[in-house]
Amino acid sequence: METYTVSEILKKESSIFQSVSIKGWVRTFRANRFIALNDGSTLNNIQCVVDFEKFDEDLLKRITTGAAIHVMGDLVESQGKGQKVEIQVNTLEVLGDSDPETFPIQPKKHSFEFLREQAHLRTRTSTFSAVMRLRSSLSFAIHKYFNENGFYYMHTPIITGSDAEGAGEMFRVTSLDAKNPPLNEKGHIDYTEDFFGKETNLTVSGQLEAETYAMSLGKVYTFGPTFRAENSNTSRHLAEFWMIEPEVAFMDLAGNMDLAEDFLKFVLKYILEHNLEDLTFLDTRLQNEEKTKPQAERSDMGLIDKLKFVTENNFMRLSYTEAIEILRNSKPNKKKKFKYLINEWGTDLQSEHERFLVEKHFKCPVILFDYPANIKAFYMRLNEDGKTVRAMDILFPGIGEIVGGAQREERLDVLKEKMAAIDIPEEDLWWYLDLRKYGTAVHSGFGLGFERLVMFATGMGNIRDVIPFPRTPQSAEF
């Protein structure tokens, strides 16, 4: 007999009165009669009805929350509320025991903080199974979009000798003896004795390497893990996270904005079409959570409303300079409601400013461009005014910045000057400079933190709840 998933059985209403086989984990077992079974294929459980007189009492005692079982029986119309079909059990096998006294995921409400301590089991809950199915669908949609638009997928190195962001917050990779490393004449660690013959780190971005391939293959993207040794314990930071980074040759800033907007709309439309059941559940969860907040802190939009807000609106585009004027003259700024007041041009915008522009002023997603050079990375193309660069950030409701990108600096002399100004030695990035020596051309790209996207798509408030096993300061469990 073929074994079906719960999702397949619930879709096969024409299979009523047929014999079916299914395997899954027990969510609940009520009155020694009703088993709520889930196998992760759907948010919904299927009810399996047991005639306890047909089965050994010792067997039934082993059917506890968390146990894996194999059920064979007849699919019939349900006599109860909440489901159309159920399984009348003919054969029942317990595949794995579950100690009801110690199994941590009981059929009751658990805090997210507690569930992070049980990250290996938390996907047994409805919320986390929905989040991870959406994460999987978003991953697929990302690859689908780029594949359908002529991009080549490349794997950039995880171990690198360069700091793409110039931030210096990197994890060192070494094979040297931690207790007795070799020292040079100056008494410093001699990295020429290390495995790679130089100091190396875990990458913070695949962008620089992706640029090299864009300048030969035309359109490429990376989608892989990145690492940042930033000692931050906020709800929006991880030490290990995933980045999507497309790079395109012969594309300017305007084309980059077009690409990013089209990409975001595509992947969010995909989950609206393919994951509506999970989104509806998470939307309800979010609405219930909002009711517990003070009125002033409640969001005006539900989860599905936010997704449609992005997919159904054209993104407003304006320069950083225009945005500063709007913010400077806004009521929250004049009445000192902003935590960080906007007084002068050159200020780095905070989330409260970005959300004001999106949610209150324009009421649509916003793309800001032409940022001050001194608050952006060295590889961004300097504008003719000498003080701004061709950078762009995309701002979403409820989250602020979700995408950061730029037209890259393709002029060798200008790039060298910018590197020298922040003490990046040319010999460290000689290969990056070669791209400007041999066949240089306008090119652009952007970066999107995947977990930020999953947070937006699921309504989850903490980034640790949208990645299977979060890596944060003082925490590398599992």
Protein backbone atom coordinates (compact mmCIF):
# COMPACT_ATOMS: atom_id res chain seq x y z
CA MET A 1 0.00 0.00 0.00
CA GLU A 2 1.37 3.42 -0.96
CA THR A 3 2.09 5.78 1.91
CA TYR A 4 0.78 9.35 1.54
CA THR A 5 1.63 12.59 3.30
CA VAL A 6 -0.99 14.40 5.34
CA SER A 7 -1.03 17.14 2.71
CA GLU A 8 -1.70 14.64 -0.08
CA ILE A 9 -4.48 12.90 1.82
CA LEU A 10 -6.25 16.17 2.67
CA LYS A 11 -6.19 17.11 -1.01
CA LYS A 12 -7.51 13.71 -2.12
CA GLU A 13 -11.17 14.12 -1.21
CA SER A 14 -11.98 11.72 -4.05
CA SER A 15 -10.11 9.02 -2.11
CA ILE A 16 -12.81 8.74 0.57
CA PHE A 17 -13.52 5.11 1.51
CA GLN A 18 -10.14 4.03 0.15
CA SER A 19 -7.45 2.45 2.30
CA VAL A 20 -4.53 4.73 3.07
CA SER A 21 -1.15 4.50 4.81
CA ILE A 22 0.47 7.42 6.61
CA LYS A 23 3.42 8.07 8.94
CA GLY A 24 3.92 11.03 11.22
CA TRP A 25 4.28 12.36 14.75
CA VAL A 26 1.54 12.43 17.35
CA ARG A 27 0.43 15.92 18.33
CA THR A 28 -2.26 14.76 20.75
CA PHE A 29 -4.04 11.52 21.69
CA ARG A 30 -7.42 12.22 23.29
CA ALA A 31 -9.66 9.82 25.17
CA ASN A 32 -7.64 6.82 24.01
CA ARG A 33 -9.45 7.29 20.70
CA PHE A 34 -8.50 10.39 18.67
CA ILE A 35 -4.94 10.83 17.37
CA ALA A 36 -3.99 14.20 15.85
CA LEU A 37 -1.19 13.25 13.44
CA ASN A 38 1.18 15.63 11.65
CA ASP A 39 4.09 14.88 9.32
CA GLY A 40 5.31 18.41 8.53
CA SER A 41 3.86 18.48 5.01
CA THR A 42 1.09 20.88 6.04
CA LEU A 43 -0.04 23.04 8.90
CA ASN A 44 -3.03 20.78 9.41
CA ASN A 45 -3.21 17.52 11.34
CA ILE A 46 -5.22 14.54 10.23
CA GLN A 47 -7.42 12.85 12.79
CA CYS A 48 -6.95 9.12 13.16
CA VAL A 49 -9.79 7.39 15.02
CA VAL A 50 -8.82 4.34 17.07
CA ASP A 51 -11.23 1.65 18.30
CA PHE A 52 -9.36 0.95 21.53
CA GLU A 53 -11.02 -2.46 21.89
CA LYS A 54 -9.12 -3.64 18.78
CA PHE A 55 -5.68 -2.75 20.09
CA ASP A 56 -3.49 -3.89 22.92
CA GLU A 57 -3.55 -1.58 25.95
CA ASP A 58 0.26 -1.53 26.21
CA LEU A 59 0.47 -0.36 22.58
CA LEU A 60 -1.97 2.49 23.21
CA LYS A 61 0.03 3.64 26.24
CA ARG A 62 3.04 4.19 23.95
CA ILE A 63 1.08 6.62 21.77
CA THR A 64 2.05 9.88 23.44
CA THR A 65 2.78 13.39 22.19
CA GLY A 66 5.92 13.30 20.00
CA ALA A 67 5.86 9.59 19.20
CA ALA A 68 6.33 8.55 15.56
CA ILE A 69 3.66 6.13 14.32
CA HIS A 70 2.55 4.33 11.16
CA VAL A 71 -1.19 4.20 10.56
CA MET A 72 -3.14 2.21 7.98
CA GLY A 73 -6.87 2.53 7.67
CA ASP A 74 -9.88 3.75 5.72
CA LEU A 75 -10.31 7.42 4.77
CA VAL A 76 -13.88 8.43 5.64
CA GLU A 77 -15.92 11.59 6.02
CA SER A 78 -15.34 13.08 9.44
CA GLN A 79 -18.11 12.97 12.02
CA GLY A 80 -16.56 15.82 14.01
CA LYS A 81 -15.96 19.50 13.43
CA GLY A 82 -12.81 21.07 12.02
CA GLN A 83 -11.95 18.48 9.38
CA LYS A 84 -13.62 17.03 6.28
CA VAL A 85 -12.00 13.60 6.46
CA GLU A 86 -10.45 11.30 9.03
CA ILE A 87 -8.86 7.86 9.11
CA GLN A 88 -10.56 4.89 10.72
CA VAL A 89 -7.52 3.00 11.96
CA ASN A 90 -7.14 -0.68 11.06
CA THR A 91 -3.41 -1.15 11.71
CA LEU A 92 -1.26 0.85 14.11
CA GLU A 93 2.50 0.66 14.67
CA VAL A 94 4.55 2.78 17.05
CA LEU A 95 7.86 3.55 15.31
CA GLY A 96 9.48 5.48 18.11
CA ASP A 97 8.69 6.05 21.76
CA SER A 98 8.25 9.47 23.34
CA ASP A 99 8.58 9.94 27.06
CA PRO A 100 5.53 12.01 28.03
CA GLU A 101 7.25 13.18 31.21
CA THR A 102 10.29 14.69 29.49
CA PHE A 103 9.17 15.56 25.93
CA PRO A 104 9.49 19.37 25.94
CA ILE A 105 7.01 20.26 23.18
CA GLN A 106 3.69 19.67 24.90
CA PRO A 107 0.29 20.60 23.39
CA LYS A 108 0.20 24.02 25.02
CA LYS A 109 1.52 27.50 24.29
CA HIS A 110 5.30 27.84 24.64
CA SER A 111 7.27 31.07 24.59
CA PHE A 112 9.62 31.67 21.67
CA GLU A 113 12.46 32.07 24.17
CA PHE A 114 11.82 28.55 25.49
CA LEU A 115 11.52 27.12 21.97
CA ARG A 116 14.91 28.59 20.98
CA GLU A 117 16.37 26.33 23.65
CA GLN A 118 14.66 23.42 21.87
CA ALA A 119 15.59 24.42 18.32
CA HIS A 120 15.99 20.76 17.34
CA LEU A 121 12.34 20.12 18.20
CA ARG A 122 10.59 23.47 17.73
CA THR A 123 9.50 22.69 14.16
CA ARG A 124 7.07 20.21 15.73
CA THR A 125 4.98 23.30 16.57
CA SER A 126 2.56 24.90 14.11
CA THR A 127 4.30 28.29 14.11
CA PHE A 128 7.78 27.05 13.38
CA SER A 129 6.72 24.44 10.84
CA ALA A 130 4.89 27.23 8.97
CA VAL A 131 7.92 29.54 9.17
CA MET A 132 10.31 26.90 7.85
CA ARG A 133 8.01 25.86 5.00
CA LEU A 134 7.88 29.53 3.99
CA ARG A 135 11.66 29.79 4.26
CA SER A 136 11.96 26.81 1.92
CA SER A 137 9.48 28.29 -0.58
CA LEU A 138 11.26 31.65 -0.57
CA SER A 139 14.57 29.88 -1.27
CA PHE A 140 13.03 28.08 -4.22
CA ALA A 141 11.43 31.29 -5.53
CA ILE A 142 14.78 33.09 -5.40
CA HIS A 143 16.49 30.46 -7.53
CA LYS A 144 13.46 30.31 -9.84
CA TYR A 145 13.52 34.07 -10.43
CA PHE A 146 17.20 34.26 -11.28
CA ASN A 147 17.12 31.12 -13.41
CA GLU A 148 14.20 32.46 -15.44
CA ASN A 149 15.97 35.80 -15.93
CA GLY A 150 19.24 34.50 -17.32
CA PHE A 151 21.42 34.62 -14.19
CA TYR A 152 24.14 32.09 -13.39
CA TYR A 153 24.39 30.78 -9.83
CA MET A 154 27.91 30.89 -8.41
CA HIS A 155 29.36 29.79 -5.08
CA THR A 156 31.63 32.43 -3.61
CA PRO A 157 34.29 31.39 -1.06
CA ILE A 158 33.40 31.13 2.60
CA ILE A 159 37.05 31.53 3.60
CA THR A 160 38.49 34.82 2.40
CA GLY A 161 41.46 37.10 2.84
CA SER A 162 39.47 40.28 2.14
CA ASP A 163 36.99 42.34 4.15
CA ALA A 164 34.33 43.30 1.61
CA GLU A 165 32.58 45.75 3.91
CA GLY A 166 35.69 47.26 5.48
CA ALA A 167 34.08 46.79 8.89
CA GLY A 168 36.71 44.53 10.43
CA GLU A 169 34.12 42.46 12.34
CA MET A 170 35.20 39.07 11.01
CA PHE A 171 35.77 35.56 12.36
CA ARG A 172 39.38 34.46 11.96
CA VAL A 173 40.15 31.11 10.33
CA THR A 174 43.39 29.51 11.42
CA SER A 175 45.13 26.18 11.95
CA LEU A 176 47.83 27.66 14.19
CA ASP A 177 48.33 26.40 17.73
CA ALA A 178 46.19 28.69 19.89
CA LYS A 179 48.45 28.21 22.93
CA ASN A 180 51.76 28.58 21.15
CA PRO A 181 51.42 30.35 17.79
CA PRO A 182 54.54 31.20 15.77
CA LEU A 183 55.71 34.80 16.14
CA ASN A 184 57.56 37.07 13.70
CA GLU A 185 60.44 39.43 14.47
CA LYS A 186 58.04 42.07 15.81
CA GLY A 187 56.44 39.61 18.22
CA HIS A 188 53.21 39.40 16.24
CA ILE A 189 51.56 36.17 15.13
CA ASP A 190 53.29 34.98 11.96
CA TYR A 191 50.46 34.13 9.58
CA THR A 192 52.90 33.08 6.87
CA GLU A 193 53.10 29.88 8.95
CA ASP A 194 49.33 29.44 8.84
CA PHE A 195 47.48 27.01 6.57
CA PHE A 196 46.87 29.56 3.81
CA GLY A 197 50.12 31.49 4.37
CA LYS A 198 48.18 34.64 5.29
CA GLU A 199 45.50 35.87 7.65
CA THR A 200 42.07 34.59 6.58
CA ASN A 201 38.51 34.98 7.82
CA LEU A 202 34.95 33.82 7.29
CA THR A 203 33.34 35.98 4.61
CA VAL A 204 30.98 38.87 5.35
CA SER A 205 29.86 39.05 1.71
CA GLY A 206 30.33 37.30 -1.61
CA GLN A 207 29.93 40.54 -3.54
CA LEU A 208 33.54 41.24 -4.56
CA GLU A 209 34.03 37.71 -5.91
CA ALA A 210 30.62 37.85 -7.63
CA GLU A 211 31.71 41.01 -9.44
CA THR A 212 34.57 39.08 -11.05
CA TYR A 213 32.14 36.58 -12.54
CA ALA A 214 29.66 39.25 -13.62
CA MET A 215 32.46 40.77 -15.67
CA SER A 216 32.70 37.59 -17.71
CA LEU A 217 29.31 35.86 -17.49
CA GLY A 218 27.20 39.02 -17.50
CA LYS A 219 24.57 38.19 -14.87
CA VAL A 220 25.36 36.14 -11.77
CA TYR A 221 24.06 35.75 -8.23
CA THR A 222 25.24 34.22 -4.98
CA PHE A 223 23.03 32.79 -2.26
CA GLY A 224 25.03 31.48 0.64
CA PRO A 225 26.13 31.82 4.25
CA THR A 226 27.95 34.92 5.50
CA PHE A 227 29.39 35.72 8.91
CA ARG A 228 29.83 38.79 11.05
CA ALA A 229 31.56 38.93 14.46
CA GLU A 230 29.44 41.81 15.66
CA ASN A 231 28.78 41.52 19.40
CA SER A 232 25.13 42.44 19.06
CA ASN A 233 22.28 40.71 20.87
CA THR A 234 19.41 42.50 19.14
CA SER A 235 16.38 40.89 17.53
CA ARG A 236 17.78 41.71 14.05
CA HIS A 237 21.36 40.41 14.22
CA LEU A 238 22.93 37.00 13.70
CA ALA A 239 26.57 35.95 13.57
CA GLU A 240 25.77 33.53 10.73
CA PHE A 241 23.19 34.43 8.12
CA TRP A 242 22.43 33.96 4.42
CA MET A 243 22.81 36.58 1.70
CA ILE A 244 21.38 36.93 -1.81
CA GLU A 245 23.74 39.01 -3.95
CA PRO A 246 23.17 39.48 -7.71
CA GLU A 247 25.77 41.32 -9.82
CA VAL A 248 25.13 42.45 -13.39
CA ALA A 249 27.53 43.80 -16.00
CA PHE A 250 26.56 46.85 -18.10
CA MET A 251 23.75 47.76 -15.66
CA ASP A 252 23.55 51.20 -14.04
CA LEU A 253 21.82 52.29 -10.83
CA ALA A 254 18.41 52.72 -12.49
CA GLY A 255 18.59 49.16 -13.83
CA ASN A 256 19.66 47.94 -10.40
CA MET A 257 16.57 49.49 -8.81
CA ASP A 258 14.35 47.95 -11.50
CA LEU A 259 15.90 44.52 -10.88
CA ALA A 260 15.54 44.67 -7.09
CA GLU A 261 11.91 45.79 -7.23
CA ASP A 262 10.96 43.13 -9.76
CA PHE A 263 12.80 40.45 -7.77
CA LEU A 264 11.12 41.29 -4.45
CA LYS A 265 7.66 41.38 -6.00
CA PHE A 266 8.24 38.02 -7.69
CA VAL A 267 9.32 36.09 -4.58
CA LEU A 268 6.56 37.56 -2.41
CA LYS A 269 3.91 36.85 -5.05
CA TYR A 270 5.21 33.29 -5.18
CA ILE A 271 4.51 32.61 -1.51
CA LEU A 272 1.14 34.37 -1.70
CA GLU A 273 0.22 31.90 -4.44
CA HIS A 274 1.82 28.75 -2.99
CA ASN A 275 1.84 29.18 0.82
CA LEU A 276 -1.45 30.90 1.59
CA GLU A 277 -2.41 28.36 4.26
CA ASP A 278 0.75 29.02 6.29
CA LEU A 279 0.53 32.77 5.69
CA THR A 280 -3.07 32.87 6.90
CA PHE A 281 -2.10 31.03 10.09
CA LEU A 282 0.83 33.39 10.72
CA ASP A 283 -1.35 36.39 9.90
CA THR A 284 -3.80 35.34 12.63
CA ARG A 285 -0.92 34.76 15.06
CA LEU A 286 0.43 38.24 14.32
CA GLN A 287 -2.97 39.90 14.75
CA ASN A 288 -3.40 38.23 18.15
CA GLU A 289 0.08 39.40 19.13
CA GLU A 290 -0.70 42.96 18.05
CA LYS A 291 -3.73 43.03 20.36
CA THR A 292 -1.41 42.65 23.37
CA LYS A 293 0.55 45.80 22.45
CA PRO A 294 -0.30 49.38 23.45
CA GLN A 295 -2.53 51.07 20.85
CA ALA A 296 0.25 53.42 19.72
CA GLU A 297 2.58 50.51 18.92
CA ARG A 298 0.12 48.43 16.91
CA SER A 299 0.62 47.99 13.19
CA ASP A 300 -2.07 49.18 10.80
CA MET A 301 -1.51 46.21 8.49
CA GLY A 302 -1.76 42.46 8.89
CA LEU A 303 0.86 40.11 7.47
CA ILE A 304 -0.88 39.38 4.18
CA ASP A 305 -1.74 43.07 3.84
CA LYS A 306 1.97 43.92 4.15
CA LEU A 307 2.89 41.42 1.45
CA LYS A 308 0.25 42.80 -0.90
CA PHE A 309 1.35 46.33 0.02
CA VAL A 310 4.69 45.44 -1.61
CA THR A 311 3.47 43.38 -4.54
CA GLU A 312 0.63 45.72 -5.57
CA ASN A 313 2.39 49.10 -5.27
CA ASN A 314 5.05 50.73 -7.40
CA PHE A 315 8.08 51.61 -5.29
CA MET A 316 8.58 55.35 -4.74
CA ARG A 317 12.08 56.49 -5.75
CA LEU A 318 13.71 59.58 -4.34
CA SER A 319 17.19 60.78 -3.47
CA TYR A 320 18.64 60.76 0.01
CA THR A 321 18.71 64.56 -0.14
CA GLU A 322 14.97 64.72 -0.87
CA ALA A 323 14.29 62.26 1.95
CA ILE A 324 16.30 64.35 4.42
CA GLU A 325 14.19 67.42 3.60
CA ILE A 326 10.96 65.46 4.07
CA LEU A 327 12.15 64.07 7.40
CA ARG A 328 13.55 67.38 8.63
CA ASN A 329 10.19 69.08 8.03
CA SER A 330 8.03 66.20 9.28
CA LYS A 331 5.81 66.49 12.36
CA PRO A 332 7.63 63.75 14.31
CA ASN A 333 10.92 65.58 13.81
CA LYS A 334 9.57 69.07 14.59
CA LYS A 335 7.76 67.78 17.68
CA LYS A 336 10.82 65.75 18.69
CA LYS A 337 8.97 62.43 18.50
CA PHE A 338 11.86 60.77 16.68
CA LYS A 339 14.43 59.17 18.96
CA TYR A 340 17.11 60.36 16.52
CA LEU A 341 16.30 63.86 15.29
CA ILE A 342 17.17 64.88 11.73
CA ASN A 343 19.09 68.15 11.82
CA GLU A 344 21.52 68.10 8.93
CA TRP A 345 22.40 66.46 5.63
CA GLY A 346 24.77 63.51 6.02
CA THR A 347 22.94 61.81 8.88
CA ASP A 348 22.69 58.01 8.65
CA LEU A 349 18.98 57.19 8.62
CA GLN A 350 17.54 54.99 11.36
CA SER A 351 14.70 52.48 11.13
CA GLU A 352 12.20 55.00 12.55
CA HIS A 353 12.98 57.42 9.71
CA GLU A 354 12.76 54.74 7.05
CA ARG A 355 9.44 53.44 8.36
CA PHE A 356 8.02 56.97 8.51
CA LEU A 357 8.76 57.45 4.81
CA VAL A 358 7.16 54.12 3.88
CA GLU A 359 4.22 53.85 6.26
CA LYS A 360 3.22 57.47 6.89
CA HIS A 361 4.50 59.76 4.14
CA PHE A 362 4.41 57.82 0.86
CA LYS A 363 2.34 54.80 1.92
CA CYS A 364 4.26 52.51 -0.42
CA PRO A 365 7.71 50.86 -0.51
CA VAL A 366 10.50 53.38 -1.01
CA ILE A 367 13.87 53.29 -2.77
CA LEU A 368 16.36 55.91 -1.60
CA PHE A 369 19.40 56.60 -3.77
CA ASP A 370 22.48 58.86 -4.00
CA TYR A 371 23.65 58.59 -0.40
CA PRO A 372 26.51 60.58 1.18
CA ALA A 373 29.80 58.89 0.27
CA ASN A 374 31.12 58.95 3.83
CA ILE A 375 28.39 56.63 5.15
CA LYS A 376 28.64 54.05 2.35
CA ALA A 377 31.20 51.45 1.25
CA PHE A 378 34.34 52.20 -0.77
CA TYR A 379 33.25 50.22 -3.86
CA MET A 380 30.21 52.40 -4.63
CA ARG A 381 30.51 54.74 -7.65
CA LEU A 382 31.22 58.35 -6.79
CA ASN A 383 28.81 60.85 -8.34
CA GLU A 384 29.91 63.94 -10.23
CA ASP A 385 29.16 66.12 -7.18
CA GLY A 386 32.05 64.42 -5.38
CA LYS A 387 30.06 63.93 -2.17
CA THR A 388 27.41 61.29 -2.97
CA VAL A 389 27.60 57.76 -4.34
CA ARG A 390 25.24 55.76 -6.57
CA ALA A 391 23.90 53.68 -3.71
CA MET A 392 20.33 52.59 -3.16
CA ASP A 393 18.39 51.15 -0.23
CA ILE A 394 14.91 49.63 -0.40
CA LEU A 395 12.62 50.34 2.54
CA PHE A 396 9.67 48.14 3.58
CA PRO A 397 6.83 48.63 6.07
CA GLY A 398 7.48 47.34 9.58
CA ILE A 399 11.15 46.65 8.93
CA GLY A 400 12.84 49.62 7.27
CA GLU A 401 15.83 48.76 5.07
CA ILE A 402 15.64 45.33 3.47
CA VAL A 403 17.94 45.73 0.44
CA GLY A 404 21.18 47.64 0.01
CA GLY A 405 22.90 48.01 -3.35
CA ALA A 406 24.86 50.26 -5.66
CA GLN A 407 26.39 50.89 -9.01
CA ARG A 408 30.00 49.80 -8.51
CA GLU A 409 32.97 52.10 -9.00
CA GLU A 410 34.40 51.04 -12.38
CA ARG A 411 37.08 53.74 -12.69
CA LEU A 412 40.50 52.47 -11.61
CA ASP A 413 41.93 55.81 -10.47
CA VAL A 414 38.86 56.74 -8.41
CA LEU A 415 38.71 53.29 -6.78
CA LYS A 416 42.39 53.48 -5.83
CA GLU A 417 41.84 56.89 -4.23
CA LYS A 418 38.87 55.62 -2.23
CA MET A 419 40.80 52.56 -1.02
CA ALA A 420 43.75 54.69 0.03
CA ALA A 421 41.47 57.03 1.98
CA ILE A 422 40.38 54.18 4.25
CA ASP A 423 43.74 52.36 4.32
CA ILE A 424 42.87 49.33 2.19
CA PRO A 425 46.20 48.15 0.68
CA GLU A 426 46.09 47.69 -3.08
CA GLU A 427 47.98 44.40 -2.79
CA ASP A 428 45.10 42.94 -0.75
CA LEU A 429 42.62 43.52 -3.58
CA TRP A 430 44.89 43.42 -6.63
CA TRP A 431 42.51 41.03 -8.37
CA TYR A 432 39.56 43.37 -7.72
CA LEU A 433 41.50 46.26 -9.21
CA ASP A 434 42.29 44.12 -12.28
CA LEU A 435 38.60 44.24 -13.18
CA ARG A 436 39.07 47.99 -13.65
CA LYS A 437 42.24 47.52 -15.71
CA TYR A 438 41.02 44.90 -18.17
CA GLY A 439 37.71 45.56 -19.90
CA THR A 440 36.16 47.76 -17.23
CA ALA A 441 32.47 48.58 -17.61
CA VAL A 442 29.52 49.93 -15.67
CA HIS A 443 28.10 47.23 -13.39
CA SER A 444 25.77 47.05 -10.39
CA GLY A 445 24.33 44.76 -7.77
CA PHE A 446 22.63 44.53 -4.43
CA GLY A 447 22.55 42.48 -1.25
CA LEU A 448 19.53 41.11 0.58
CA GLY A 449 19.81 39.43 3.97
CA PHE A 450 17.67 36.33 3.52
CA GLU A 451 16.61 36.16 7.17
CA ARG A 452 15.38 39.77 6.99
CA LEU A 453 13.21 38.72 4.04
CA VAL A 454 11.89 35.68 5.93
CA MET A 455 11.08 37.91 8.92
CA PHE A 456 9.06 40.21 6.69
CA ALA A 457 7.30 37.32 4.95
CA THR A 458 6.35 35.53 8.18
CA GLY A 459 5.74 38.43 10.56
CA MET A 460 8.18 37.00 13.08
CA GLY A 461 9.69 39.65 15.34
CA ASN A 462 13.04 38.03 16.10
CA ILE A 463 15.59 36.95 13.49
CA ARG A 464 16.52 33.95 15.67
CA ASP A 465 13.11 32.48 14.91
CA VAL A 466 13.48 32.38 11.10
CA ILE A 467 16.73 30.39 10.84
CA PRO A 468 16.93 26.71 11.86
CA PHE A 469 19.82 27.06 14.31
CA PRO A 470 20.67 30.67 15.24
CA ARG A 471 24.28 31.67 15.93
CA THR A 472 24.51 34.65 18.28
CA PRO A 473 26.98 35.99 20.88
CA GLN A 474 27.61 33.35 23.58
CA SER A 475 25.34 30.87 21.76
CA ALA A 476 26.35 28.17 19.27
CA GLU A 477 24.15 25.34 20.50
CA PHE A 478 23.06 22.44 18.25
